[in-house]
Amino acid sequence: MAKKLKHEKELLKIALEKILEDAVKRGVVEFEATDSHDLKIQYAYRLLVHDKAISPLPNDQISLPKIKHRLAMWMTHQLPADHELLK
């Protein structure tokens, strides 16, 4: 796996908020209170792959830690270069 980002948890949190908020606005998903955090992470990953915003992981390499890392990496490209989480 690639090197862990310094603020990976925070980047993942921001990425999830952004992706899921967009998905709800677009009307492509409704989450229930019982939906797990892991389910939301997997959904966000699949949505970005579907939208061709990120390239998919090879099928034999799909795992929750790698998906989390991929979402955090995607978020690093969405933030302004001077954002505090990128320092």
C-alpha atoms as a PDB file:
ATOM      1  CA  MET A   1       0.000   0.000   0.000  1.00  0.00           C
ATOM      2  CA  ALA A   2       1.101   3.537  -0.602  1.00  0.00           C
ATOM      3  CA  LYS A   3       2.528   5.637   2.183  1.00  0.00           C
ATOM      4  CA  LYS A   4      -0.074   6.725   4.707  1.00  0.00           C
ATOM      5  CA  LEU A   5      -0.943  10.397   4.497  1.00  0.00           C
ATOM      6  CA  LYS A   6      -0.172  12.578   7.481  1.00  0.00           C
ATOM      7  CA  HIS A   7      -3.815  13.644   7.965  1.00  0.00           C
ATOM      8  CA  GLU A   8      -5.486  10.654   6.322  1.00  0.00           C
ATOM      9  CA  LYS A   9      -8.370  10.350   8.813  1.00  0.00           C
ATOM     10  CA  GLU A  10      -9.273  14.015   8.495  1.00  0.00           C
ATOM     11  CA  LEU A  11      -8.997  13.899   4.695  1.00  0.00           C
ATOM     12  CA  LEU A  12     -11.233  10.821   4.600  1.00  0.00           C
ATOM     13  CA  LYS A  13     -13.807  12.542   6.798  1.00  0.00           C
ATOM     14  CA  ILE A  14     -13.917  15.608   4.524  1.00  0.00           C
ATOM     15  CA  ALA A  15     -14.047  13.424   1.403  1.00  0.00           C
ATOM     16  CA  LEU A  16     -16.984  11.417   2.757  1.00  0.00           C
ATOM     17  CA  GLU A  17     -18.898  14.549   3.694  1.00  0.00           C
ATOM     18  CA  LYS A  18     -18.346  16.056   0.259  1.00  0.00           C
ATOM     19  CA  ILE A  19     -19.118  12.902  -1.748  1.00  0.00           C
ATOM     20  CA  LEU A  20     -22.173  11.843   0.236  1.00  0.00           C
ATOM     21  CA  GLU A  21     -23.614  15.366   0.340  1.00  0.00           C
ATOM     22  CA  ASP A  22     -23.270  15.521  -3.444  1.00  0.00           C
ATOM     23  CA  ALA A  23     -24.863  12.082  -3.855  1.00  0.00           C
ATOM     24  CA  VAL A  24     -27.875  13.054  -1.748  1.00  0.00           C
ATOM     25  CA  LYS A  25     -28.278  16.344  -3.676  1.00  0.00           C
ATOM     26  CA  ARG A  26     -28.155  14.409  -6.952  1.00  0.00           C
ATOM     27  CA  GLY A  27     -30.815  12.056  -5.610  1.00  0.00           C
ATOM     28  CA  VAL A  28     -28.767   8.919  -6.203  1.00  0.00           C
ATOM     29  CA  VAL A  29     -28.840   7.684  -2.616  1.00  0.00           C
ATOM     30  CA  GLU A  30     -30.671   7.928   0.681  1.00  0.00           C
ATOM     31  CA  PHE A  31     -28.909   6.692   3.771  1.00  0.00           C
ATOM     32  CA  GLU A  32     -30.645   5.176   6.772  1.00  0.00           C
ATOM     33  CA  ALA A  33     -29.604   5.793  10.357  1.00  0.00           C
ATOM     34  CA  THR A  34     -28.589   2.133  10.558  1.00  0.00           C
ATOM     35  CA  ASP A  35     -26.185   2.311   7.586  1.00  0.00           C
ATOM     36  CA  SER A  36     -22.641   1.647   8.736  1.00  0.00           C
ATOM     37  CA  HIS A  37     -19.686   3.958   8.256  1.00  0.00           C
ATOM     38  CA  ASP A  38     -17.937   1.258   6.207  1.00  0.00           C
ATOM     39  CA  LEU A  39     -20.951   0.988   3.889  1.00  0.00           C
ATOM     40  CA  LYS A  40     -20.828   4.746   3.286  1.00  0.00           C
ATOM     41  CA  ILE A  41     -17.094   4.544   2.535  1.00  0.00           C
ATOM     42  CA  GLN A  42     -17.657   1.761   0.018  1.00  0.00           C
ATOM     43  CA  TYR A  43     -20.541   3.660  -1.567  1.00  0.00           C
ATOM     44  CA  ALA A  44     -18.459   6.848  -1.867  1.00  0.00           C
ATOM     45  CA  TYR A  45     -15.655   4.884  -3.533  1.00  0.00           C
ATOM     46  CA  ARG A  46     -18.028   3.224  -6.007  1.00  0.00           C
ATOM     47  CA  LEU A  47     -19.660   6.550  -6.825  1.00  0.00           C
ATOM     48  CA  LEU A  48     -16.307   8.182  -7.614  1.00  0.00           C
ATOM     49  CA  VAL A  49     -15.344   5.213  -9.786  1.00  0.00           C
ATOM     50  CA  HIS A  50     -18.719   5.387 -11.560  1.00  0.00           C
ATOM     51  CA  ASP A  51     -18.271   9.136 -12.142  1.00  0.00           C
ATOM     52  CA  LYS A  52     -14.744   8.393 -13.424  1.00  0.00           C
ATOM     53  CA  ALA A  53     -13.303  10.765 -10.804  1.00  0.00           C
ATOM     54  CA  ILE A  54     -10.858   8.061  -9.669  1.00  0.00           C
ATOM     55  CA  SER A  55      -9.553   4.897 -11.239  1.00  0.00           C
ATOM     56  CA  PRO A  56     -10.771   1.670  -9.650  1.00  0.00           C
ATOM     57  CA  LEU A  57      -8.551  -0.567  -7.602  1.00  0.00           C
ATOM     58  CA  PRO A  58      -7.823  -3.961  -9.175  1.00  0.00           C
ATOM     59  CA  ASN A  59     -10.445  -6.473  -7.993  1.00  0.00           C
ATOM     60  CA  ASP A  60      -7.888  -8.536  -6.081  1.00  0.00           C
ATOM     61  CA  GLN A  61      -6.705  -5.449  -4.163  1.00  0.00           C
ATOM     62  CA  ILE A  62     -10.032  -4.031  -2.983  1.00  0.00           C
ATOM     63  CA  SER A  63     -10.020  -3.684   0.786  1.00  0.00           C
ATOM     64  CA  LEU A  64     -11.407  -1.120   3.194  1.00  0.00           C
ATOM     65  CA  PRO A  65      -7.990   0.329   4.136  1.00  0.00           C
ATOM     66  CA  LYS A  66      -7.090   0.776   0.460  1.00  0.00           C
ATOM     67  CA  ILE A  67     -10.458   2.343  -0.323  1.00  0.00           C
ATOM     68  CA  LYS A  68     -10.025   4.764   2.584  1.00  0.00           C
ATOM     69  CA  HIS A  69      -6.567   5.688   1.324  1.00  0.00           C
ATOM     70  CA  ARG A  70      -7.848   6.185  -2.232  1.00  0.00           C
ATOM     71  CA  LEU A  71     -10.607   8.526  -0.989  1.00  0.00           C
ATOM     72  CA  ALA A  72      -8.132  10.494   1.125  1.00  0.00           C
ATOM     73  CA  MET A  73      -5.791  10.794  -1.863  1.00  0.00           C
ATOM     74  CA  TRP A  74      -8.677  12.017  -4.024  1.00  0.00           C
ATOM     75  CA  MET A  75      -9.434  14.659  -1.412  1.00  0.00           C
ATOM     76  CA  THR A  76      -5.843  15.951  -1.517  1.00  0.00           C
ATOM     77  CA  HIS A  77      -6.474  16.893  -5.145  1.00  0.00           C
ATOM     78  CA  GLN A  78      -9.740  18.683  -4.310  1.00  0.00           C
ATOM     79  CA  LEU A  79      -8.347  20.979  -1.621  1.00  0.00           C
ATOM     80  CA  PRO A  80      -6.464  24.192  -2.332  1.00  0.00           C
ATOM     81  CA  ALA A  81      -2.674  23.745  -2.282  1.00  0.00           C
ATOM     82  CA  ASP A  82      -2.321  25.868   0.865  1.00  0.00           C
ATOM     83  CA  HIS A  83      -4.919  23.949   2.899  1.00  0.00           C
ATOM     84  CA  GLU A  84      -3.736  23.098   6.422  1.00  0.00           C
ATOM     85  CA  LEU A  85      -4.275  19.334   5.960  1.00  0.00           C
ATOM     86  CA  LEU A  86      -1.854  19.271   3.045  1.00  0.00           C
ATOM     87  CA  LYS A  87       1.053  20.679   5.034  1.00  0.00           C
END
